[in-house]
N, C-alpha and C. Protein backbone atom coordinates (compact mmCIF):
# COMPACT_ATOMS: atom_id res chain seq x y z
N MET A 1 -27.16 3.41 6.90
CA MET A 1 -26.42 4.46 5.73
C MET A 1 -26.09 3.57 4.75
N PRO A 2 -26.78 4.39 3.67
CA PRO A 2 -26.53 3.49 2.29
C PRO A 2 -25.33 3.32 2.18
N TRP A 3 -25.08 2.07 1.60
CA TRP A 3 -23.62 1.49 1.20
C TRP A 3 -22.00 1.30 2.05
N ASP A 4 -22.52 1.87 3.41
CA ASP A 4 -22.16 1.89 4.69
C ASP A 4 -21.89 0.17 5.33
N ARG A 5 -20.66 -0.19 4.70
CA ARG A 5 -20.62 -1.79 5.43
C ARG A 5 -21.42 -2.67 4.25
N ARG A 6 -21.87 -2.33 3.22
CA ARG A 6 -22.46 -2.98 2.43
C ARG A 6 -21.92 -4.67 2.16
N TRP A 7 -20.62 -4.18 2.45
CA TRP A 7 -20.00 -6.03 1.83
C TRP A 7 -18.94 -6.33 3.11
N ALA A 8 -19.14 -7.72 3.20
CA ALA A 8 -17.69 -7.70 4.36
C ALA A 8 -16.71 -8.89 3.61
N VAL A 9 -15.88 -8.85 4.06
CA VAL A 9 -14.65 -9.97 3.41
C VAL A 9 -14.06 -10.96 4.50
N ALA A 10 -15.07 -12.28 4.06
CA ALA A 10 -14.59 -13.40 5.27
C ALA A 10 -13.67 -13.82 5.11
N HIS A 11 -12.61 -14.73 5.65
CA HIS A 11 -11.67 -14.90 5.99
C HIS A 11 -11.70 -16.58 6.00
N GLU A 12 -10.83 -17.06 5.44
CA GLU A 12 -10.77 -18.41 4.95
C GLU A 12 -11.06 -19.81 6.46
N LEU A 13 -11.12 -18.92 7.94
CA LEU A 13 -11.71 -20.17 8.59
C LEU A 13 -13.19 -19.46 8.96
N ALA A 14 -13.92 -18.33 8.33
CA ALA A 14 -15.14 -18.09 8.91
C ALA A 14 -16.01 -18.88 8.52
N SER A 15 -17.59 -18.79 9.11
CA SER A 15 -18.42 -19.50 8.78
C SER A 15 -19.51 -18.78 8.19
N ALA A 16 -19.24 -17.30 7.90
CA ALA A 16 -20.29 -16.37 7.66
C ALA A 16 -20.67 -16.64 6.13
N ASP A 17 -21.87 -16.31 5.53
CA ASP A 17 -22.13 -16.97 4.19
C ASP A 17 -23.13 -15.93 3.74
N GLY A 18 -23.14 -14.93 4.28
CA GLY A 18 -24.36 -13.89 3.81
C GLY A 18 -25.78 -13.74 3.86
N SER A 19 -26.13 -14.98 4.91
CA SER A 19 -27.62 -15.48 5.12
C SER A 19 -27.99 -14.36 6.20
N ASP A 20 -26.76 -14.02 7.11
CA ASP A 20 -27.53 -13.03 8.25
C ASP A 20 -26.56 -12.45 8.94
N TRP A 21 -26.63 -11.27 9.70
CA TRP A 21 -25.41 -10.38 10.41
C TRP A 21 -24.52 -11.42 10.77
N ALA A 22 -22.91 -11.33 10.99
CA ALA A 22 -21.82 -11.65 11.63
C ALA A 22 -20.82 -11.22 12.36
N PRO A 23 -20.13 -11.24 13.42
CA PRO A 23 -19.36 -10.63 14.05
C PRO A 23 -18.33 -10.30 13.45
N SER A 24 -17.31 -9.49 13.80
CA SER A 24 -16.50 -8.80 13.01
C SER A 24 -15.19 -9.93 13.31
N ALA A 25 -14.99 -10.76 14.06
CA ALA A 25 -14.36 -11.98 13.91
C ALA A 25 -13.88 -12.87 12.49
N GLU A 26 -15.21 -12.68 12.12
CA GLU A 26 -15.47 -13.60 11.38
C GLU A 26 -14.96 -13.00 9.16
N PHE A 27 -13.87 -11.67 9.81
CA PHE A 27 -13.66 -10.57 8.88
C PHE A 27 -12.49 -10.61 8.88
N SER A 28 -11.90 -10.50 7.44
CA SER A 28 -10.34 -9.59 7.50
C SER A 28 -10.50 -8.08 7.94
N ARG A 29 -9.82 -7.80 9.18
CA ARG A 29 -9.98 -6.43 9.60
C ARG A 29 -8.71 -5.81 9.90
N GLY A 30 -8.57 -4.73 10.16
CA GLY A 30 -7.37 -3.81 10.38
C GLY A 30 -7.02 -4.16 11.90
N SER A 31 -7.53 -4.93 12.81
CA SER A 31 -7.08 -5.09 14.19
C SER A 31 -5.98 -5.88 14.10
N LYS A 32 -6.08 -6.95 13.36
CA LYS A 32 -5.25 -7.90 13.24
C LYS A 32 -3.84 -7.78 12.06
N VAL A 33 -4.69 -7.26 11.08
CA VAL A 33 -3.43 -6.65 10.06
C VAL A 33 -3.57 -4.91 9.70
N ALA A 34 -2.80 -4.58 10.03
CA ALA A 34 -2.76 -3.25 10.01
C ALA A 34 -2.72 -2.69 8.46
N ALA A 35 -1.99 -3.28 7.82
CA ALA A 35 -1.87 -2.80 6.34
C ALA A 35 -3.24 -2.41 5.72
N LEU A 36 -4.33 -3.14 6.46
CA LEU A 36 -5.66 -3.07 5.72
C LEU A 36 -6.05 -1.50 5.89
N MET A 37 -5.72 -0.77 6.89
CA MET A 37 -6.08 0.12 7.41
C MET A 37 -5.96 1.40 6.56
N ALA A 38 -5.23 1.00 5.21
CA ALA A 38 -4.51 2.09 4.61
C ALA A 38 -5.56 2.00 3.00
N ILE A 39 -6.66 1.03 3.01
CA ILE A 39 -7.34 1.04 2.09
C ILE A 39 -8.37 2.09 2.14
N ASN A 40 -8.79 2.84 1.32
CA ASN A 40 -10.10 3.67 1.06
C ASN A 40 -10.74 3.33 -0.12
N ALA A 41 -11.97 3.56 -0.09
CA ALA A 41 -13.10 3.38 -0.92
C ALA A 41 -13.66 4.41 -1.42
N ARG A 42 -14.15 4.40 -2.46
CA ARG A 42 -15.05 5.28 -3.31
C ARG A 42 -16.01 4.35 -4.10
N CYS A 43 -17.13 4.57 -3.64
CA CYS A 43 -18.40 4.31 -4.32
C CYS A 43 -19.06 4.68 -5.47
N ASN A 44 -19.39 3.68 -6.59
CA ASN A 44 -20.47 4.66 -7.46
C ASN A 44 -21.72 3.74 -7.94
N GLU A 45 -22.58 4.42 -7.08
CA GLU A 45 -23.74 3.80 -6.86
C GLU A 45 -24.48 3.26 -8.46
N ALA A 46 -24.67 4.21 -9.08
CA ALA A 46 -24.91 3.90 -10.25
C ALA A 46 -24.96 2.77 -10.99
N LYS A 47 -23.21 2.58 -10.84
CA LYS A 47 -22.60 1.43 -11.78
C LYS A 47 -22.77 0.21 -10.55
N GLY A 48 -22.42 0.38 -9.47
CA GLY A 48 -22.35 -0.61 -8.94
C GLY A 48 -21.12 -1.00 -8.73
N THR A 49 -20.36 -0.27 -8.29
CA THR A 49 -18.83 -0.77 -8.60
C THR A 49 -17.94 -0.01 -7.37
N VAL A 50 -16.97 -0.40 -6.76
CA VAL A 50 -16.14 0.43 -5.41
C VAL A 50 -14.81 0.36 -6.24
N THR A 51 -14.22 1.91 -6.08
CA THR A 51 -12.90 1.88 -6.34
C THR A 51 -12.15 1.77 -5.06
N LEU A 52 -10.84 0.93 -5.05
CA LEU A 52 -10.14 0.73 -3.77
C LEU A 52 -8.81 1.47 -4.13
N THR A 53 -8.06 2.25 -3.11
CA THR A 53 -6.83 2.50 -3.64
C THR A 53 -6.01 2.23 -2.12
N HIS A 54 -4.25 2.09 -2.15
CA HIS A 54 -3.43 1.68 -0.79
C HIS A 54 -2.57 2.09 -1.63
N PRO A 55 -1.66 2.74 -0.72
CA PRO A 55 -0.33 3.38 -1.35
C PRO A 55 0.27 2.01 -1.86
N ASP A 56 0.06 0.65 -1.46
CA ASP A 56 1.06 -0.14 -1.94
C ASP A 56 0.86 -1.13 -2.52
N ARG A 57 -0.62 -0.73 -3.74
CA ARG A 57 -1.30 -1.29 -4.25
C ARG A 57 -2.23 -0.50 -5.59
N PRO A 58 -1.66 -0.85 -6.60
CA PRO A 58 -2.44 -0.55 -7.89
C PRO A 58 -3.86 0.09 -7.45
N ASP A 59 -4.86 0.78 -7.84
CA ASP A 59 -6.12 1.15 -7.70
C ASP A 59 -7.00 0.03 -8.52
N LEU A 60 -8.01 -0.47 -7.73
CA LEU A 60 -8.73 -1.38 -8.24
C LEU A 60 -10.05 -1.20 -8.50
N THR A 61 -10.79 -1.10 -9.48
CA THR A 61 -12.53 -0.58 -9.90
C THR A 61 -13.10 -1.85 -9.96
N PHE A 62 -14.15 -2.40 -9.23
CA PHE A 62 -14.59 -3.91 -9.44
C PHE A 62 -16.07 -3.85 -8.77
N ASP A 63 -16.78 -4.71 -9.38
CA ASP A 63 -18.36 -5.06 -9.04
C ASP A 63 -18.35 -6.41 -7.64
N PRO A 64 -18.10 -5.91 -6.42
CA PRO A 64 -18.28 -6.75 -5.33
C PRO A 64 -18.83 -7.64 -5.62
N ASP A 65 -20.00 -7.84 -6.22
CA ASP A 65 -21.35 -8.77 -6.44
C ASP A 65 -20.75 -9.75 -6.95
N ARG A 66 -20.16 -9.46 -8.34
CA ARG A 66 -19.93 -10.27 -9.41
C ARG A 66 -18.37 -10.60 -9.66
N GLU A 67 -17.41 -9.47 -8.85
CA GLU A 67 -15.99 -9.60 -9.33
C GLU A 67 -14.78 -9.73 -8.21
N ALA A 68 -15.91 -10.73 -7.42
CA ALA A 68 -14.91 -10.90 -6.50
C ALA A 68 -13.49 -11.38 -6.59
N PRO A 69 -13.43 -12.35 -7.31
CA PRO A 69 -11.86 -13.01 -7.72
C PRO A 69 -10.84 -11.89 -7.86
N ALA A 70 -11.03 -10.61 -8.14
CA ALA A 70 -10.61 -9.39 -8.66
C ALA A 70 -10.03 -8.87 -7.43
N PHE A 71 -10.94 -8.88 -6.32
CA PHE A 71 -10.54 -8.30 -5.20
C PHE A 71 -9.91 -8.96 -4.41
N LEU A 72 -9.93 -10.72 -4.18
CA LEU A 72 -8.96 -11.36 -3.59
C LEU A 72 -7.82 -11.18 -4.16
N ASP A 73 -7.53 -10.93 -5.07
CA ASP A 73 -6.13 -11.15 -5.84
C ASP A 73 -5.12 -9.79 -5.66
N TRP A 74 -6.04 -8.53 -5.50
CA TRP A 74 -5.73 -7.13 -5.26
C TRP A 74 -5.29 -7.12 -3.77
N VAL A 75 -5.82 -7.85 -2.97
CA VAL A 75 -5.50 -7.67 -1.41
C VAL A 75 -4.35 -8.56 -0.79
N ARG A 76 -4.31 -9.67 -1.63
CA ARG A 76 -3.67 -11.28 -1.22
C ARG A 76 -1.94 -10.76 -0.77
N PRO A 77 -1.53 -9.48 -1.53
CA PRO A 77 0.05 -9.10 -0.95
C PRO A 77 -0.19 -8.22 0.14
N LEU A 78 -0.97 -7.53 0.99
CA LEU A 78 -1.26 -6.90 1.81
C LEU A 78 -1.61 -7.94 3.38
N MET A 79 -2.10 -9.55 2.87
CA MET A 79 -2.41 -10.31 4.20
C MET A 79 -0.91 -10.79 4.49
N PRO A 80 -0.43 -11.11 5.74
CA PRO A 80 0.42 -11.77 6.22
C PRO A 80 0.41 -13.26 6.15
N GLU A 81 1.20 -13.89 5.86
CA GLU A 81 1.16 -15.16 5.27
C GLU A 81 0.33 -16.08 6.79
N ASN A 82 0.69 -15.58 8.13
CA ASN A 82 0.35 -16.03 9.37
C ASN A 82 -0.92 -15.78 9.49
N ARG A 83 -1.45 -14.96 8.90
CA ARG A 83 -2.80 -14.61 9.17
C ARG A 83 -4.03 -15.26 8.11
N ALA A 84 -5.34 -15.75 8.38
CA ALA A 84 -6.13 -16.48 7.84
C ALA A 84 -6.26 -15.53 6.77
N GLN A 85 -6.56 -16.43 5.36
CA GLN A 85 -6.45 -15.39 4.28
C GLN A 85 -7.80 -14.79 3.91
N SER A 86 -8.09 -13.86 3.30
CA SER A 86 -9.45 -13.12 2.88
C SER A 86 -10.18 -14.40 1.85
N ALA A 87 -11.31 -15.13 2.32
CA ALA A 87 -11.94 -16.01 1.25
C ALA A 87 -12.71 -15.52 0.17
N ARG A 88 -13.89 -14.50 0.92
CA ARG A 88 -14.68 -14.47 -0.12
C ARG A 88 -15.18 -13.04 0.53
N ILE A 89 -16.14 -12.46 -0.53
CA ILE A 89 -17.38 -11.60 -0.43
C ILE A 89 -18.78 -11.91 -0.27
N VAL A 90 -18.96 -10.97 1.45
CA VAL A 90 -20.46 -11.63 1.87
C VAL A 90 -21.50 -10.33 1.70
N ARG A 91 -22.80 -10.59 1.94
CA ARG A 91 -23.53 -9.33 1.53
C ARG A 91 -25.01 -9.62 2.06
N VAL A 92 -25.04 -9.04 2.95
CA VAL A 92 -26.64 -9.41 3.51
C VAL A 92 -27.52 -7.99 3.07
N GLU A 93 -28.90 -8.84 2.50
CA GLU A 93 -29.72 -7.52 2.11
C GLU A 93 -30.06 -6.81 2.66
N ASN A 94 -30.11 -5.72 2.71
CA ASN A 94 -30.67 -4.76 3.68
C ASN A 94 -29.87 -4.28 5.18
N ARG A 95 -28.83 -5.07 4.80
CA ARG A 95 -28.25 -4.80 6.46
C ARG A 95 -26.97 -4.61 6.09
N GLY A 96 -26.17 -3.71 6.83
CA GLY A 96 -24.74 -3.15 6.49
C GLY A 96 -24.14 -4.22 7.48
N MET A 97 -22.63 -4.73 7.40
CA MET A 97 -22.13 -5.48 8.21
C MET A 97 -21.37 -4.61 9.47
N THR A 98 -21.94 -4.05 10.27
CA THR A 98 -21.62 -3.12 11.26
C THR A 98 -20.80 -3.85 12.56
N ASP A 99 -20.09 -3.43 13.51
CA ASP A 99 -19.66 -4.27 14.22
C ASP A 99 -20.55 -4.25 15.29
N THR A 100 -21.65 -3.92 15.46
CA THR A 100 -22.81 -3.66 16.51
C THR A 100 -24.05 -4.99 15.74
N ASP A 101 -24.35 -5.72 16.75
CA ASP A 101 -25.63 -6.74 16.31
C ASP A 101 -26.60 -5.65 16.16
N TYR A 102 -26.95 -4.82 16.14
CA TYR A 102 -27.79 -3.79 15.42
C TYR A 102 -27.33 -2.83 14.40
N PRO A 103 -28.20 -2.64 13.45
CA PRO A 103 -27.75 -1.40 12.55
C PRO A 103 -27.56 -0.33 12.97
N SER A 104 -26.07 0.32 12.93
CA SER A 104 -25.46 1.24 13.64
C SER A 104 -24.60 2.22 12.72
N ILE A 105 -24.63 3.50 12.99
CA ILE A 105 -23.99 4.76 12.38
C ILE A 105 -23.11 5.04 13.46
N SER A 106 -21.85 5.73 13.78
CA SER A 106 -20.70 5.76 14.21
C SER A 106 -20.14 7.05 14.14
N LEU A 107 -20.17 8.18 14.97
CA LEU A 107 -20.49 9.84 15.31
C LEU A 107 -18.99 9.68 16.08
N LEU A 108 -18.42 10.78 15.57
CA LEU A 108 -17.04 11.03 16.01
C LEU A 108 -16.97 12.43 16.21
N ASN A 109 -16.81 13.29 17.25
CA ASN A 109 -16.51 14.36 17.86
C ASN A 109 -15.01 14.96 17.77
N LEU A 110 -14.91 15.83 16.92
CA LEU A 110 -13.76 16.31 16.16
C LEU A 110 -13.01 16.92 17.23
N ALA A 111 -13.78 17.88 18.31
CA ALA A 111 -12.99 18.17 19.35
C ALA A 111 -12.47 17.22 20.52
N SER A 112 -13.18 16.40 20.39
CA SER A 112 -12.29 14.89 21.25
C SER A 112 -10.97 14.34 20.26
N ASN A 113 -11.16 14.35 19.35
CA ASN A 113 -9.78 14.09 18.21
C ASN A 113 -8.75 14.79 18.49
N GLU A 114 -9.07 16.21 18.97
CA GLU A 114 -8.36 17.16 18.82
C GLU A 114 -7.28 17.04 20.36
N VAL A 115 -8.21 16.70 21.13
CA VAL A 115 -7.47 16.27 22.83
C VAL A 115 -6.32 15.45 22.35
N MET A 116 -6.75 14.15 21.69
CA MET A 116 -5.71 13.02 21.07
C MET A 116 -5.11 13.75 20.74
N THR A 117 -4.88 14.21 19.64
CA THR A 117 -3.62 14.90 18.88
C THR A 117 -2.76 15.65 19.95
N GLN A 118 -3.49 16.63 20.71
CA GLN A 118 -2.59 17.24 21.75
C GLN A 118 -1.69 16.47 22.70
N THR A 119 -2.71 15.43 23.06
CA THR A 119 -2.37 14.83 24.46
C THR A 119 -1.19 13.54 23.85
N MET A 120 -1.22 12.99 22.86
CA MET A 120 -0.07 12.30 22.02
C MET A 120 0.86 13.28 21.53
N GLY A 121 0.83 14.38 21.17
CA GLY A 121 1.91 15.19 20.76
C GLY A 121 2.22 14.11 19.53
N GLN A 122 1.27 14.11 18.18
CA GLN A 122 1.59 13.75 17.23
C GLN A 122 0.04 13.74 16.30
N ASP A 123 0.11 14.07 14.98
CA ASP A 123 -1.37 14.41 14.36
C ASP A 123 -2.04 12.75 14.59
N ILE A 124 -3.57 13.38 15.21
CA ILE A 124 -4.10 11.88 14.61
C ILE A 124 -5.07 12.11 13.96
N SER A 125 -5.28 11.67 12.77
CA SER A 125 -6.16 11.94 11.61
C SER A 125 -7.56 11.28 12.26
N ALA A 126 -8.63 12.05 12.12
CA ALA A 126 -9.94 11.60 12.12
C ALA A 126 -10.17 10.52 12.03
N LEU A 127 -9.72 10.13 10.47
CA LEU A 127 -10.01 9.00 9.53
C LEU A 127 -9.80 7.57 10.29
N ARG A 128 -8.85 7.75 11.41
CA ARG A 128 -8.00 6.71 12.12
C ARG A 128 -9.57 6.17 12.66
N TRP A 129 -10.27 6.63 13.34
CA TRP A 129 -11.65 6.22 14.08
C TRP A 129 -12.61 5.32 12.71
N ARG A 130 -12.55 5.53 11.53
CA ARG A 130 -13.26 5.36 10.65
C ARG A 130 -15.04 5.16 11.03
N CYS A 131 -15.15 6.50 11.26
CA CYS A 131 -16.46 6.93 11.75
C CYS A 131 -17.22 7.32 10.32
N ASN A 132 -18.57 7.16 10.95
CA ASN A 132 -19.65 7.44 9.49
C ASN A 132 -19.98 8.97 9.64
N ILE A 133 -19.80 9.83 10.82
CA ILE A 133 -20.32 11.47 10.60
C ILE A 133 -19.16 11.68 11.48
N HIS A 134 -19.00 12.83 11.30
CA HIS A 134 -17.57 13.71 12.15
C HIS A 134 -18.70 15.22 12.30
N VAL A 135 -18.58 15.62 13.90
CA VAL A 135 -19.54 16.51 14.46
C VAL A 135 -18.29 17.39 14.86
N ALA A 136 -18.70 18.41 14.93
CA ALA A 136 -18.18 19.73 15.64
C ALA A 136 -19.07 20.95 15.72
N GLY A 137 -17.83 21.50 16.92
CA GLY A 137 -18.72 22.89 17.54
C GLY A 137 -19.12 22.14 19.14
N PHE A 138 -18.40 21.15 19.34
CA PHE A 138 -19.02 20.63 21.08
C PHE A 138 -17.74 20.65 21.51
N ASP A 139 -17.79 20.36 23.02
CA ASP A 139 -16.52 20.21 23.80
C ASP A 139 -16.18 18.74 23.57
N PRO A 140 -15.12 18.71 23.94
CA PRO A 140 -14.14 17.49 24.18
C PRO A 140 -15.25 16.26 24.83
N TRP A 141 -15.68 15.35 24.25
CA TRP A 141 -16.32 14.04 25.32
C TRP A 141 -17.55 14.65 25.44
N ALA A 142 -18.09 15.60 25.03
CA ALA A 142 -19.64 15.82 25.02
C ALA A 142 -20.51 14.96 24.23
N GLU A 143 -20.07 13.81 23.68
CA GLU A 143 -20.67 13.01 22.90
C GLU A 143 -21.16 11.67 24.07
N PHE A 144 -20.28 11.51 24.69
CA PHE A 144 -20.59 10.45 25.85
C PHE A 144 -21.63 10.71 26.86
N ASP A 145 -22.17 12.19 26.81
CA ASP A 145 -23.34 12.87 27.56
C ASP A 145 -24.53 12.89 26.74
N TRP A 146 -24.46 12.20 25.44
CA TRP A 146 -25.43 12.12 24.66
C TRP A 146 -26.30 10.52 24.72
N ILE A 147 -25.28 9.57 25.28
CA ILE A 147 -26.14 8.15 25.72
C ILE A 147 -27.53 8.15 25.69
N GLY A 148 -28.13 7.29 25.29
CA GLY A 148 -29.92 7.50 25.53
C GLY A 148 -30.90 8.39 25.28
N LYS A 149 -29.87 9.66 24.60
CA LYS A 149 -30.71 10.74 23.96
C LYS A 149 -30.71 10.48 22.45
N THR A 150 -31.65 11.11 21.77
CA THR A 150 -32.23 11.43 20.33
C THR A 150 -30.92 12.42 19.76
N ILE A 151 -30.75 13.01 18.65
CA ILE A 151 -29.80 13.74 17.88
C ILE A 151 -31.00 13.78 16.56
N ARG A 152 -30.61 14.99 15.97
CA ARG A 152 -31.39 15.54 14.93
C ARG A 152 -30.19 15.84 14.07
N ILE A 153 -30.04 15.41 12.70
CA ILE A 153 -29.05 15.97 11.76
C ILE A 153 -29.96 15.96 10.41
N GLY A 154 -29.92 17.00 9.68
CA GLY A 154 -30.55 17.52 8.72
C GLY A 154 -32.20 16.81 9.23
N THR A 155 -33.00 15.79 8.26
CA THR A 155 -33.97 15.45 8.29
C THR A 155 -33.78 14.05 9.07
N ALA A 156 -32.86 13.80 9.70
CA ALA A 156 -32.46 12.20 10.04
C ALA A 156 -32.76 12.35 11.66
N GLU A 157 -33.17 11.55 12.23
CA GLU A 157 -32.82 11.00 13.89
C GLU A 157 -32.14 10.08 13.89
N LEU A 158 -31.51 10.27 15.12
CA LEU A 158 -30.74 9.47 15.71
C LEU A 158 -30.73 9.02 17.14
N HIS A 159 -30.94 7.74 17.85
CA HIS A 159 -30.65 7.41 19.07
C HIS A 159 -29.43 6.98 19.38
N ILE A 160 -28.57 7.60 20.02
CA ILE A 160 -27.45 7.30 20.93
C ILE A 160 -27.33 6.44 22.00
N ARG A 161 -27.18 5.12 21.25
CA ARG A 161 -26.54 3.71 22.15
C ARG A 161 -25.75 3.73 22.89
N GLU A 162 -24.30 3.57 22.50
CA GLU A 162 -23.54 3.28 23.46
C GLU A 162 -22.10 3.99 22.93
N PRO A 163 -21.01 3.99 23.73
CA PRO A 163 -19.71 4.42 23.31
C PRO A 163 -19.09 3.04 22.53
N ILE A 164 -18.15 3.73 21.73
CA ILE A 164 -17.65 2.63 21.04
C ILE A 164 -15.88 2.39 21.58
N LEU A 165 -15.94 1.19 21.78
CA LEU A 165 -15.07 0.36 22.41
C LEU A 165 -13.91 0.40 21.05
N ARG A 166 -12.79 0.77 21.70
CA ARG A 166 -11.65 0.83 20.39
C ARG A 166 -10.87 -0.36 20.40
N CYS A 167 -10.34 -0.76 19.12
CA CYS A 167 -8.99 -1.84 19.35
C CYS A 167 -7.70 -1.58 18.60
N LEU A 168 -7.11 -2.33 18.24
CA LEU A 168 -6.07 -2.38 17.72
C LEU A 168 -5.85 -1.35 16.14
N ALA A 169 -7.25 -1.36 15.43
CA ALA A 169 -6.85 -0.81 14.40
C ALA A 169 -6.80 0.37 14.62
N THR A 170 -7.02 1.42 15.40
CA THR A 170 -6.76 2.74 15.41
C THR A 170 -5.62 2.94 16.11
N THR A 171 -4.62 2.15 15.95
CA THR A 171 -3.31 2.10 16.13
C THR A 171 -2.26 2.45 14.93
N ALA A 172 -3.29 2.03 13.60
CA ALA A 172 -2.60 2.13 12.31
C ALA A 172 -2.90 3.17 11.73
N ASN A 173 -1.90 4.21 11.07
CA ASN A 173 -1.98 5.22 10.39
C ASN A 173 -2.87 4.68 9.11
N PRO A 174 -4.10 5.63 8.69
CA PRO A 174 -4.74 5.66 7.39
C PRO A 174 -4.56 5.88 6.34
N SER A 175 -2.83 6.57 6.37
CA SER A 175 -2.21 7.09 5.13
C SER A 175 -1.36 6.11 4.65
N THR A 176 -0.87 5.16 5.84
CA THR A 176 0.22 4.29 5.93
C THR A 176 -0.03 2.94 5.91
N GLY A 177 -0.78 2.77 6.62
CA GLY A 177 -1.21 1.57 7.14
C GLY A 177 -0.01 0.81 8.20
N LEU A 178 0.85 1.40 8.63
CA LEU A 178 1.21 1.15 9.40
C LEU A 178 1.04 1.48 11.02
N ARG A 179 1.45 0.66 12.16
CA ARG A 179 1.21 1.05 13.54
C ARG A 179 1.95 2.11 14.00
N ASP A 180 1.45 3.36 14.20
CA ASP A 180 2.65 4.47 14.73
C ASP A 180 2.19 5.16 15.60
N ALA A 181 0.92 4.81 16.32
CA ALA A 181 0.34 5.31 17.86
C ALA A 181 -0.41 4.56 18.29
N ASP A 182 0.00 5.01 20.02
CA ASP A 182 -0.72 3.93 21.07
C ASP A 182 -2.35 4.76 21.66
N THR A 183 -3.24 4.52 20.51
CA THR A 183 -4.10 5.14 20.81
C THR A 183 -4.73 4.39 21.95
N LEU A 184 -4.60 3.34 22.03
CA LEU A 184 -5.62 3.01 23.14
C LEU A 184 -4.83 2.80 24.40
N GLY A 185 -3.52 2.73 24.43
CA GLY A 185 -2.73 3.10 26.03
C GLY A 185 -2.85 4.51 26.53
N THR A 186 -3.20 5.26 24.89
CA THR A 186 -3.41 6.72 25.51
C THR A 186 -5.12 6.90 26.38
N LEU A 187 -5.68 6.14 25.53
CA LEU A 187 -7.11 6.41 26.17
C LEU A 187 -7.27 5.83 27.63
N ASN A 188 -6.65 4.44 27.71
CA ASN A 188 -6.66 3.84 28.96
C ASN A 188 -6.21 4.49 30.13
N LYS A 189 -4.49 5.41 29.91
CA LYS A 189 -3.82 5.92 30.60
C LYS A 189 -4.38 6.88 30.92
N GLN A 190 -4.98 7.79 30.17
CA GLN A 190 -4.97 9.63 30.56
C GLN A 190 -6.18 9.70 30.61
N PHE A 191 -7.37 9.03 30.13
CA PHE A 191 -8.94 9.15 29.96
C PHE A 191 -9.44 7.61 30.97
N GLY A 192 -8.79 6.86 31.30
CA GLY A 192 -9.64 6.14 32.44
C GLY A 192 -10.62 4.82 31.11
N HIS A 193 -10.32 5.02 30.20
CA HIS A 193 -11.33 3.98 29.00
C HIS A 193 -11.02 3.98 27.96
N GLN A 194 -11.23 3.46 27.31
CA GLN A 194 -10.76 2.50 25.84
C GLN A 194 -12.13 2.75 24.72
N ASP A 195 -12.71 4.14 25.32
CA ASP A 195 -13.70 4.22 24.18
C ASP A 195 -13.72 5.81 23.52
N PHE A 196 -13.99 5.67 21.87
CA PHE A 196 -14.16 6.78 21.51
C PHE A 196 -14.79 6.90 20.43
N GLY A 197 -15.86 7.91 20.25
CA GLY A 197 -16.66 7.94 19.39
C GLY A 197 -17.90 7.11 20.27
N VAL A 198 -19.26 7.24 19.34
CA VAL A 198 -20.39 6.74 19.95
C VAL A 198 -21.16 5.85 18.77
N TYR A 199 -22.14 4.93 19.24
CA TYR A 199 -23.17 4.27 17.92
C TYR A 199 -24.25 5.10 18.47
N ALA A 200 -24.68 5.24 16.76
CA ALA A 200 -25.92 5.55 16.99
C ALA A 200 -27.22 4.36 16.00
N GLU A 201 -28.31 4.49 16.83
CA GLU A 201 -29.20 3.80 15.63
C GLU A 201 -30.06 4.80 14.94
N VAL A 202 -30.29 4.64 13.65
CA VAL A 202 -31.35 5.63 12.91
C VAL A 202 -33.17 5.65 13.63
N THR A 203 -33.55 6.24 14.16
CA THR A 203 -34.83 6.20 14.23
C THR A 203 -36.02 6.84 13.75
N GLN A 204 -35.30 7.68 12.46
CA GLN A 204 -36.08 8.51 11.65
C GLN A 204 -35.44 8.17 10.49
N SER A 205 -35.90 7.68 9.02
CA SER A 205 -34.72 8.14 8.01
C SER A 205 -35.27 9.56 7.16
N GLY A 206 -33.85 10.34 7.09
CA GLY A 206 -33.62 11.47 6.16
C GLY A 206 -32.47 11.38 5.57
N GLU A 207 -32.17 13.03 5.38
CA GLU A 207 -31.15 13.39 4.15
C GLU A 207 -30.36 14.59 5.12
N ILE A 208 -28.80 13.72 5.11
CA ILE A 208 -27.70 14.64 5.79
C ILE A 208 -26.78 14.97 4.97
N VAL A 209 -26.65 16.49 5.07
CA VAL A 209 -25.39 17.00 3.93
C VAL A 209 -24.83 17.56 5.24
N VAL A 210 -23.54 17.62 4.43
CA VAL A 210 -22.37 18.11 5.25
C VAL A 210 -22.38 19.90 5.42
N GLY A 211 -22.48 20.13 6.56
CA GLY A 211 -22.80 21.09 7.34
C GLY A 211 -24.21 21.84 8.28
N ASP A 212 -24.93 20.33 8.19
CA ASP A 212 -26.27 20.07 8.96
C ASP A 212 -25.88 20.34 10.62
N ALA A 213 -26.80 21.23 10.95
CA ALA A 213 -26.68 21.50 12.26
C ALA A 213 -27.15 20.11 13.03
N VAL A 214 -26.40 19.51 14.40
CA VAL A 214 -27.04 18.59 15.16
C VAL A 214 -27.47 18.85 16.59
N VAL A 215 -28.72 18.82 16.91
CA VAL A 215 -29.29 19.33 17.36
C VAL A 215 -29.78 18.51 18.56
N LEU A 216 -29.74 18.13 19.87
CA LEU A 216 -29.71 17.34 20.92
C LEU A 216 -31.54 17.53 21.38
N ALA A 217 -32.19 16.34 20.76
CA ALA A 217 -33.53 16.22 20.80
C ALA A 217 -34.44 16.22 22.30
N ALA A 218 -33.85 15.16 23.00
CA ALA A 218 -34.10 14.54 24.12
C ALA A 218 -33.05 13.58 25.11
């Protein structure tokens, strides 16, 4: 997916240098610092810039390839002193820094998210899961039945690879950056697993727009 995880923020103890994909442990992440989960980004592909917003920081528009110091100054107040600090921005050409060691797209079933909201007795924003594509019109947890199969959305095809094992990042509210929901405890105690959403791999490039049908191909 163009511009998805195009850049990653390596911390001061990381060895990631942009020469190849690296695991998420190399980067500053919401599982370790809840405040990071309230960062939202808007991309301007024509200008090559990203605009970041956060409830506790002024908006920042910058070019990650050329203006990394501006970002590092901006994010520093969000990082606890007892955590490895954000040190540099890395980018691998033609490869998003996904959580998986293969290029992946994450899908969320909105019906499954509604079950989490009902089970937990509080509003669980779909944005909490940070998925690329939200789908509707399916039964809760139907997405797990798609594993090993191919779906079509618009003119693209995606092979569903595996469930997404969730971490502490999902316990933080994407509006506030505060941990306020025991998503992991609920998944484990109520559903017997810690999975939410699925990873897919693009097997045929294409265009996807809001409202496209999701068709199970095989």
